[in-house]
Protein backbone atom coordinates (compact mmCIF):
# COMPACT_ATOMS: atom_id res chain seq x y z
CA MET A 1 272.53 138.60 -58.00
CA VAL A 2 270.66 137.02 -55.16
CA LEU A 3 271.55 133.51 -54.85
CA SER A 4 268.54 131.29 -53.60
CA VAL A 5 269.08 128.29 -51.08
CA TYR A 6 268.09 124.99 -52.99
CA ARG A 7 265.98 123.00 -50.96
CA THR A 8 265.03 119.39 -51.70
CA LYS A 9 261.58 118.29 -52.12
CA ARG A 10 261.79 116.08 -49.04
CA GLU A 11 262.92 119.41 -47.05
CA ILE A 12 259.93 121.46 -48.52
CA ALA A 13 257.57 118.80 -47.40
CA ALA A 14 259.07 118.60 -44.02
CA THR A 15 258.59 122.25 -43.76
CA LEU A 16 254.97 122.33 -44.84
CA LEU A 17 254.19 119.53 -42.69
CA ARG A 18 255.90 121.10 -39.72
CA ASP A 19 254.03 124.47 -40.39
CA ALA A 20 251.02 122.76 -40.61
CA ILE A 21 251.49 120.93 -37.25
CA VAL A 22 252.46 124.19 -35.44
CA ARG A 23 249.64 126.33 -36.46
CA GLY A 24 247.37 123.42 -35.60
CA GLU A 25 245.87 122.84 -39.13
CA LEU A 26 246.98 119.20 -38.49
CA THR A 27 246.03 118.53 -34.96
CA PRO A 28 247.48 115.82 -32.45
CA GLY A 29 246.33 112.43 -33.13
CA THR A 30 245.50 113.22 -36.88
CA ARG A 31 246.60 110.53 -39.26
CA LEU A 32 248.98 111.72 -41.98
CA LEU A 33 247.76 110.08 -45.04
CA LEU A 34 250.18 110.48 -47.89
CA GLU A 35 247.43 110.89 -50.62
CA ASP A 36 245.72 113.59 -48.59
CA LEU A 37 249.07 115.57 -47.66
CA SER A 38 250.08 115.13 -51.44
CA ARG A 39 246.85 116.95 -52.51
CA LYS A 40 247.20 119.55 -49.71
CA PHE A 41 250.73 120.39 -50.54
CA ASP A 42 250.84 119.84 -54.09
CA LEU A 43 253.61 117.41 -53.89
CA SER A 44 254.01 113.99 -55.07
CA MET A 45 253.70 111.33 -52.06
CA THR A 46 257.33 110.40 -52.14
CA PRO A 47 258.63 113.52 -50.69
CA ILE A 48 255.91 113.56 -48.15
CA ARG A 49 256.94 109.84 -47.44
CA GLU A 50 260.55 110.96 -46.82
CA ALA A 51 259.68 114.06 -44.47
CA ILE A 52 257.84 111.85 -42.16
CA PRO A 53 260.81 110.30 -40.31
CA ILE A 54 262.43 113.77 -40.06
CA LEU A 55 259.28 115.16 -38.15
CA GLU A 56 259.53 111.86 -36.06
CA GLY A 57 262.82 112.57 -35.15
CA GLU A 58 261.78 116.10 -34.13
CA GLY A 59 258.94 114.99 -32.10
CA PHE A 60 256.04 116.27 -34.35
CA VAL A 61 254.94 112.82 -35.40
CA VAL A 62 254.66 109.47 -34.09
CA GLN A 63 254.33 105.96 -35.85
CA LEU A 64 251.52 103.76 -34.30
CA PRO A 65 250.92 100.20 -34.87
CA HIS A 66 248.18 99.63 -37.35
CA LYS A 67 247.74 103.46 -37.72
CA GLY A 68 250.87 104.67 -39.38
CA ALA A 69 252.19 108.06 -38.97
CA VAL A 70 249.98 110.56 -36.70
CA VAL A 71 250.73 114.06 -35.13
CA ALA A 72 252.33 113.64 -31.87
CA LEU A 73 249.88 114.51 -28.94
CA MET A 74 250.89 117.30 -26.66
CA ASP A 75 252.29 115.48 -23.66
CA ARG A 76 252.60 117.61 -20.38
CA GLU A 77 255.91 116.00 -19.29
CA GLU A 78 257.36 116.90 -22.96
CA ILE A 79 256.27 120.39 -22.20
CA ARG A 80 257.86 120.47 -18.90
CA GLU A 81 261.18 119.02 -20.29
CA LEU A 82 261.43 121.02 -23.26
CA TYR A 83 260.97 124.09 -21.31
CA ALA A 84 263.36 123.09 -18.56
CA ILE A 85 265.96 122.35 -21.22
CA ARG A 86 265.38 125.58 -23.16
CA GLY A 87 265.50 127.35 -19.95
CA ALA A 88 268.84 126.27 -19.00
CA MET A 89 270.24 126.67 -22.55
CA GLU A 90 268.87 130.14 -23.09
CA GLY A 91 270.05 131.00 -19.73
CA LEU A 92 273.62 129.71 -20.43
CA ALA A 93 273.75 131.72 -23.80
CA THR A 94 272.31 134.77 -22.32
CA SER A 95 274.93 135.12 -19.60
CA GLU A 96 277.60 134.51 -22.05
CA GLY A 97 276.26 136.73 -24.84
CA VAL A 98 275.36 139.70 -22.93
CA PRO A 99 278.94 140.78 -22.01
CA LYS A 100 279.71 140.62 -25.52
CA LEU A 101 276.83 142.36 -27.30
CA THR A 102 278.07 145.12 -29.34
CA GLY A 103 276.23 148.42 -30.24
CA LYS A 104 274.97 147.26 -33.56
CA ASP A 105 273.54 144.35 -31.71
CA LEU A 106 271.89 146.49 -29.08
CA ALA A 107 270.50 148.83 -31.69
CA HIS A 108 269.08 145.43 -33.68
CA MET A 109 267.57 144.45 -30.37
CA GLU A 110 265.86 147.87 -29.62
CA ALA A 111 264.62 147.78 -33.36
CA LEU A 112 263.39 144.16 -32.65
CA LEU A 113 261.66 145.36 -29.09
CA ALA A 114 259.89 148.35 -30.92
CA THR A 115 258.37 146.04 -33.36
CA LEU A 116 257.21 143.58 -30.79
CA GLU A 117 255.64 146.66 -28.80
CA ALA A 118 253.78 147.77 -31.96
CA PHE A 119 253.06 144.51 -33.40
CA GLN A 120 250.00 144.08 -34.98
CA GLY A 121 250.26 140.74 -36.81
CA THR A 122 249.41 137.18 -35.97
CA MET A 123 250.74 135.35 -33.18
CA GLU A 124 252.97 133.24 -35.32
CA ASP A 125 254.66 136.30 -36.57
CA TYR A 126 255.12 137.68 -33.16
CA LEU A 127 256.94 134.67 -32.07
CA GLU A 128 259.21 134.82 -35.05
CA VAL A 129 260.14 138.48 -34.13
CA ASP A 130 260.46 137.46 -30.40
CA ARG A 131 262.77 134.56 -31.65
CA ASP A 132 264.97 136.97 -33.50
CA PHE A 133 265.31 139.23 -30.45
CA HIS A 134 266.76 136.45 -28.36
CA LEU A 135 268.71 135.18 -31.18
CA VAL A 136 270.72 138.43 -31.01
CA LEU A 137 271.60 137.38 -27.43
CA TYR A 138 272.63 133.95 -27.90
CA GLN A 139 274.60 134.47 -31.25
CA ALA A 140 276.69 137.03 -29.47
CA ALA A 141 277.61 134.23 -27.15
CA GLY A 142 279.78 132.78 -30.05
CA SER A 143 278.55 129.38 -30.14
CA GLN A 144 276.94 128.25 -33.26
CA ARG A 145 275.87 124.72 -31.79
CA TRP A 146 274.08 126.56 -28.86
CA VAL A 147 272.13 128.48 -31.27
CA GLU A 148 271.42 125.54 -33.46
CA THR A 149 270.36 123.59 -30.40
CA ILE A 150 268.12 126.51 -29.02
CA GLN A 151 266.60 127.02 -32.49
CA THR A 152 265.47 123.16 -32.61
CA LEU A 153 264.04 123.58 -29.01
CA TRP A 154 262.22 126.52 -30.08
CA GLN A 155 260.92 124.67 -33.06
CA ARG A 156 259.82 121.79 -31.02
CA SER A 157 258.01 124.17 -28.34
CA LYS A 158 256.46 126.35 -30.97
CA ARG A 159 252.98 124.76 -30.97
CA TYR A 160 252.81 125.03 -27.07
CA MET A 161 253.86 128.79 -27.37
CA LEU A 162 251.17 129.55 -29.77
CA ILE A 163 248.54 128.43 -27.62
CA ALA A 164 250.20 129.69 -24.45
CA MET A 165 250.64 133.10 -26.11
CA SER A 166 247.02 133.34 -27.02
CA SER A 167 246.50 134.67 -23.37
CA ASP A 168 246.61 138.25 -23.22
CA GLU A 169 248.02 138.17 -19.76
CA LEU A 170 251.10 136.08 -20.78
CA ALA A 171 251.68 138.35 -23.70
CA HIS A 172 251.87 141.08 -21.26
CA VAL A 173 254.21 139.44 -19.04
CA VAL A 174 256.55 138.58 -22.12
CA GLN A 175 256.54 141.98 -23.12
CA ALA A 176 257.71 143.22 -19.57
CA ASP A 177 260.57 140.53 -19.66
CA HIS A 178 261.87 141.88 -22.82
CA GLN A 179 262.03 145.61 -21.41
CA GLN A 180 264.11 144.34 -18.54
CA LEU A 181 266.47 142.39 -20.90
């Protein structure tokens, strides 16, 4: 018997909103009108209203006077900060995790690398496999708090990654980096 994970409507609304922002369906500066979002996601306005502060805390949404909630702009300084923090956290987790990798971990990473090399799906799906590849390293470090923090940083920077990864040149550089790992 498979047990499903219960998610509240607020959590579902937050996931739907976050994904729409990350995919660019809701662009920076777009007002988040409850009635429109309710129709779009086939949810009542209450869970959407409750989800907005969650996304505000994650940096996806800002509250503006006389406008209400809007999709946050992509700020160069925020991008720089996110990548600096991610780089430090991921570097630490990698240096701690690599010596602890098991044969099973390495086999899993090789399988994910093969998937990445032959990948034919969307850039968003590619980034999910890429994230899974790196998470094997971070989880080997043994700190769940590090993994959770890195995942939060990945989520916050995902819309920037989708834009950057649309460049074929950058995609080849990432592939070469994975081979070195």
